[in-house]
Structure formats: structure tokens, C-alpha cells
Amino acid sequence: MKGLMSKPTNFRYDKEMIFAEFNDAKAKDTKLAKGDDHKIYTNRIKLLKEYIDLEKTMPEVFEYVNIKFDKLLNLYLTPNPRDAFYKAFFGKTFAEKKAEEGYDDYTENNKELSF
């Protein structure tokens, strides 16, 4: 035998359970960072690694969710995870996206000033 067989389980994660656990990890990181949730990611990284390990040994517990934990972990392991997420989803850094939104808000609110 190559390894120990894991015991079958009826336990299954759903999206809400994962979000709740992740929010707990985020709250711990925020507390460590004295209120800044974009400064420390230790607990979120630890939780993602645990999910990845669990998915390898007992993939059935995640059969009701479709989350790429390895991709999330890679984003959190970058020097600036917030920018990495914004780049991955919007193609821009956080600052670039906020500047764009500010410009859009300004032009929307000041249409009568356009030439």
C-alpha cells in the first residue's frame, strides 16, 4: 500500500462554511495588524494551506464548492496581495483602480463642465 487509506466521512464544506472560516482568519490577521486587514495575512495563508492539504487527502469534503485554493494562496504569498488580487481580476493595481473610479465619479458628477 502506498499510504494510509483515509476514513470515509459524510462531512462536506459549503461556500458559507468556508467564508465563515476565512472571515475568522481575516479577523485574527486584522487584530494582529492592529486594525489594518491589508497588513498581515498569516492566518489566511495558514488556512489556505490547510484547505490544500485537506483537498489532497479528502477531496470529497469539497465536492460542493469550486474554489481554487492554490491560486488564492499564490496571490496571498505575493509581496502585496491586494495589488495581486486587483491585477488578477481588474488588470490594474489597487491604486490604479481607485484612481480610475475617482475619475469616473468626477466625470459623472461634473458632466455639465465638459467641453
C-alpha atoms as a PDB file:
ATOM      1  CA  MET A   1       0.000   0.000   0.000  1.00  0.00           C
ATOM      2  CA  LYS A   2       1.317   3.438  -0.916  1.00  0.00           C
ATOM      3  CA  GLY A   3      -0.285   5.232   2.016  1.00  0.00           C
ATOM      4  CA  LEU A   4      -2.891   5.023   4.665  1.00  0.00           C
ATOM      5  CA  MET A   5      -6.448   4.959   3.499  1.00  0.00           C
ATOM      6  CA  SER A   6      -8.451   7.812   4.979  1.00  0.00           C
ATOM      7  CA  LYS A   7     -11.708   7.013   6.700  1.00  0.00           C
ATOM      8  CA  PRO A   8     -14.790   7.931   4.710  1.00  0.00           C
ATOM      9  CA  THR A   9     -16.654  10.952   6.012  1.00  0.00           C
ATOM     10  CA  ASN A  10     -20.048  12.460   5.456  1.00  0.00           C
ATOM     11  CA  PHE A  11     -18.777  15.941   6.260  1.00  0.00           C
ATOM     12  CA  ARG A  12     -18.940  18.396   3.354  1.00  0.00           C
ATOM     13  CA  TYR A  13     -17.923  22.029   3.236  1.00  0.00           C
ATOM     14  CA  ASP A  14     -20.253  24.512   1.641  1.00  0.00           C
ATOM     15  CA  LYS A  15     -19.408  28.005   0.488  1.00  0.00           C
ATOM     16  CA  GLU A  16     -20.823  29.653   3.601  1.00  0.00           C
ATOM     17  CA  MET A  17     -18.727  27.474   5.917  1.00  0.00           C
ATOM     18  CA  ILE A  18     -15.542  28.318   4.040  1.00  0.00           C
ATOM     19  CA  PHE A  19     -16.378  32.035   4.011  1.00  0.00           C
ATOM     20  CA  ALA A  20     -17.048  31.943   7.763  1.00  0.00           C
ATOM     21  CA  GLU A  21     -13.722  30.225   8.493  1.00  0.00           C
ATOM     22  CA  PHE A  22     -11.904  32.620   6.167  1.00  0.00           C
ATOM     23  CA  ASN A  23     -13.540  35.641   7.837  1.00  0.00           C
ATOM     24  CA  ASP A  24     -12.370  34.304  11.212  1.00  0.00           C
ATOM     25  CA  ALA A  25      -8.819  34.023   9.870  1.00  0.00           C
ATOM     26  CA  LYS A  26      -9.072  37.548   8.438  1.00  0.00           C
ATOM     27  CA  ALA A  27     -10.302  38.891  11.793  1.00  0.00           C
ATOM     28  CA  LYS A  28      -7.286  37.322  13.514  1.00  0.00           C
ATOM     29  CA  ASP A  29      -4.957  38.915  10.954  1.00  0.00           C
ATOM     30  CA  THR A  30      -6.662  42.287  11.382  1.00  0.00           C
ATOM     31  CA  LYS A  31      -6.269  42.044  15.141  1.00  0.00           C
ATOM     32  CA  LEU A  32      -2.556  41.198  14.741  1.00  0.00           C
ATOM     33  CA  ALA A  33      -2.179  44.186  12.421  1.00  0.00           C
ATOM     34  CA  LYS A  34      -3.971  46.470  14.875  1.00  0.00           C
ATOM     35  CA  GLY A  35      -6.950  47.123  12.615  1.00  0.00           C
ATOM     36  CA  ASP A  36      -5.337  47.023   9.164  1.00  0.00           C
ATOM     37  CA  ASP A  37      -6.648  43.994   7.271  1.00  0.00           C
ATOM     38  CA  HIS A  38      -4.177  44.540   4.414  1.00  0.00           C
ATOM     39  CA  LYS A  39      -1.012  44.304   6.509  1.00  0.00           C
ATOM     40  CA  ILE A  40      -0.817  40.751   7.897  1.00  0.00           C
ATOM     41  CA  TYR A  41      -2.021  37.600   6.100  1.00  0.00           C
ATOM     42  CA  THR A  42      -0.557  34.879   8.340  1.00  0.00           C
ATOM     43  CA  ASN A  43      -3.822  33.223   9.402  1.00  0.00           C
ATOM     44  CA  ARG A  44      -5.362  33.376   5.932  1.00  0.00           C
ATOM     45  CA  ILE A  45      -2.258  31.772   4.417  1.00  0.00           C
ATOM     46  CA  LYS A  46      -2.276  29.066   7.094  1.00  0.00           C
ATOM     47  CA  LEU A  47      -5.963  28.324   6.455  1.00  0.00           C
ATOM     48  CA  LEU A  48      -5.457  28.101   2.683  1.00  0.00           C
ATOM     49  CA  LYS A  49      -2.558  25.675   3.190  1.00  0.00           C
ATOM     50  CA  GLU A  50      -4.791  23.562   5.444  1.00  0.00           C
ATOM     51  CA  TYR A  51      -7.510  23.511   2.786  1.00  0.00           C
ATOM     52  CA  ILE A  52      -4.978  22.480   0.132  1.00  0.00           C
ATOM     53  CA  ASP A  53      -3.684  19.633   2.307  1.00  0.00           C
ATOM     54  CA  LEU A  54      -7.226  18.507   3.141  1.00  0.00           C
ATOM     55  CA  GLU A  55      -8.224  18.627  -0.512  1.00  0.00           C
ATOM     56  CA  LYS A  56      -5.311  16.302  -1.346  1.00  0.00           C
ATOM     57  CA  THR A  57      -6.222  13.755   1.324  1.00  0.00           C
ATOM     58  CA  MET A  58     -10.019  14.043   1.355  1.00  0.00           C
ATOM     59  CA  PRO A  59     -11.231  15.776  -1.812  1.00  0.00           C
ATOM     60  CA  GLU A  60     -14.801  14.684  -1.160  1.00  0.00           C
ATOM     61  CA  VAL A  61     -15.204  17.253   1.636  1.00  0.00           C
ATOM     62  CA  PHE A  62     -15.005  19.999  -1.009  1.00  0.00           C
ATOM     63  CA  GLU A  63     -17.353  18.430  -3.537  1.00  0.00           C
ATOM     64  CA  TYR A  64     -19.944  21.206  -3.059  1.00  0.00           C
ATOM     65  CA  VAL A  65     -17.506  24.086  -3.608  1.00  0.00           C
ATOM     66  CA  ASN A  66     -15.444  25.167  -6.561  1.00  0.00           C
ATOM     67  CA  ILE A  67     -12.602  27.192  -5.073  1.00  0.00           C
ATOM     68  CA  LYS A  68      -9.042  27.119  -6.367  1.00  0.00           C
ATOM     69  CA  PHE A  69      -7.223  27.266  -3.030  1.00  0.00           C
ATOM     70  CA  ASP A  70      -3.796  27.005  -4.675  1.00  0.00           C
ATOM     71  CA  LYS A  71      -4.462  30.068  -6.828  1.00  0.00           C
ATOM     72  CA  LEU A  72      -5.697  32.045  -3.809  1.00  0.00           C
ATOM     73  CA  LEU A  73      -2.629  31.000  -1.841  1.00  0.00           C
ATOM     74  CA  ASN A  74      -0.333  32.163  -4.644  1.00  0.00           C
ATOM     75  CA  LEU A  75      -1.984  35.593  -4.593  1.00  0.00           C
ATOM     76  CA  TYR A  76      -1.660  35.841  -0.809  1.00  0.00           C
ATOM     77  CA  LEU A  77       2.024  34.894  -0.975  1.00  0.00           C
ATOM     78  CA  THR A  78       2.903  37.873  -3.184  1.00  0.00           C
ATOM     79  CA  PRO A  79       4.567  40.951  -1.637  1.00  0.00           C
ATOM     80  CA  ASN A  80       1.325  42.934  -1.991  1.00  0.00           C
ATOM     81  CA  PRO A  81      -1.700  40.595  -2.051  1.00  0.00           C
ATOM     82  CA  ARG A  82      -4.240  43.391  -2.508  1.00  0.00           C
ATOM     83  CA  ASP A  83      -2.490  44.559  -5.677  1.00  0.00           C
ATOM     84  CA  ALA A  84      -2.154  40.943  -6.835  1.00  0.00           C
ATOM     85  CA  PHE A  85      -5.914  40.419  -6.475  1.00  0.00           C
ATOM     86  CA  TYR A  86      -6.713  43.667  -8.287  1.00  0.00           C
ATOM     87  CA  LYS A  87      -4.270  42.775 -11.077  1.00  0.00           C
ATOM     88  CA  ALA A  88      -5.778  39.284 -11.398  1.00  0.00           C
ATOM     89  CA  PHE A  89      -9.380  40.476 -11.547  1.00  0.00           C
ATOM     90  CA  PHE A  90      -9.234  44.013 -12.969  1.00  0.00           C
ATOM     91  CA  GLY A  91      -5.852  44.082 -14.721  1.00  0.00           C
ATOM     92  CA  LYS A  92      -4.861  47.082 -12.574  1.00  0.00           C
ATOM     93  CA  THR A  93      -3.323  47.692  -9.176  1.00  0.00           C
ATOM     94  CA  PHE A  94      -5.500  48.828  -6.294  1.00  0.00           C
ATOM     95  CA  ALA A  95      -4.272  52.428  -6.676  1.00  0.00           C
ATOM     96  CA  GLU A  96      -4.891  52.399 -10.451  1.00  0.00           C
ATOM     97  CA  LYS A  97      -8.416  51.047  -9.995  1.00  0.00           C
ATOM     98  CA  LYS A  98      -9.268  53.584  -7.275  1.00  0.00           C
ATOM     99  CA  ALA A  99      -7.878  56.432  -9.382  1.00  0.00           C
ATOM    100  CA  GLU A 100      -9.993  55.255 -12.314  1.00  0.00           C
ATOM    101  CA  GLU A 101     -13.101  55.039 -10.131  1.00  0.00           C
ATOM    102  CA  GLY A 102     -12.426  58.504  -8.764  1.00  0.00           C
ATOM    103  CA  TYR A 103     -12.056  59.862 -12.285  1.00  0.00           C
ATOM    104  CA  ASP A 104     -15.281  58.142 -13.370  1.00  0.00           C
ATOM    105  CA  ASP A 105     -17.124  59.556 -10.337  1.00  0.00           C
ATOM    106  CA  TYR A 106     -15.733  63.017 -11.061  1.00  0.00           C
ATOM    107  CA  THR A 107     -16.719  62.979 -14.735  1.00  0.00           C
ATOM    108  CA  GLU A 108     -20.154  61.543 -13.940  1.00  0.00           C
ATOM    109  CA  ASN A 109     -20.835  64.236 -11.335  1.00  0.00           C
ATOM    110  CA  ASN A 110     -19.469  67.062 -13.488  1.00  0.00           C
ATOM    111  CA  LYS A 111     -20.859  66.348 -16.958  1.00  0.00           C
ATOM    112  CA  GLU A 112     -22.054  69.908 -17.356  1.00  0.00           C
ATOM    113  CA  LEU A 113     -18.425  71.059 -17.101  1.00  0.00           C
ATOM    114  CA  SER A 114     -17.348  69.020 -20.130  1.00  0.00           C
ATOM    115  CA  PHE A 115     -16.344  70.959 -23.243  1.00  0.00           C
END
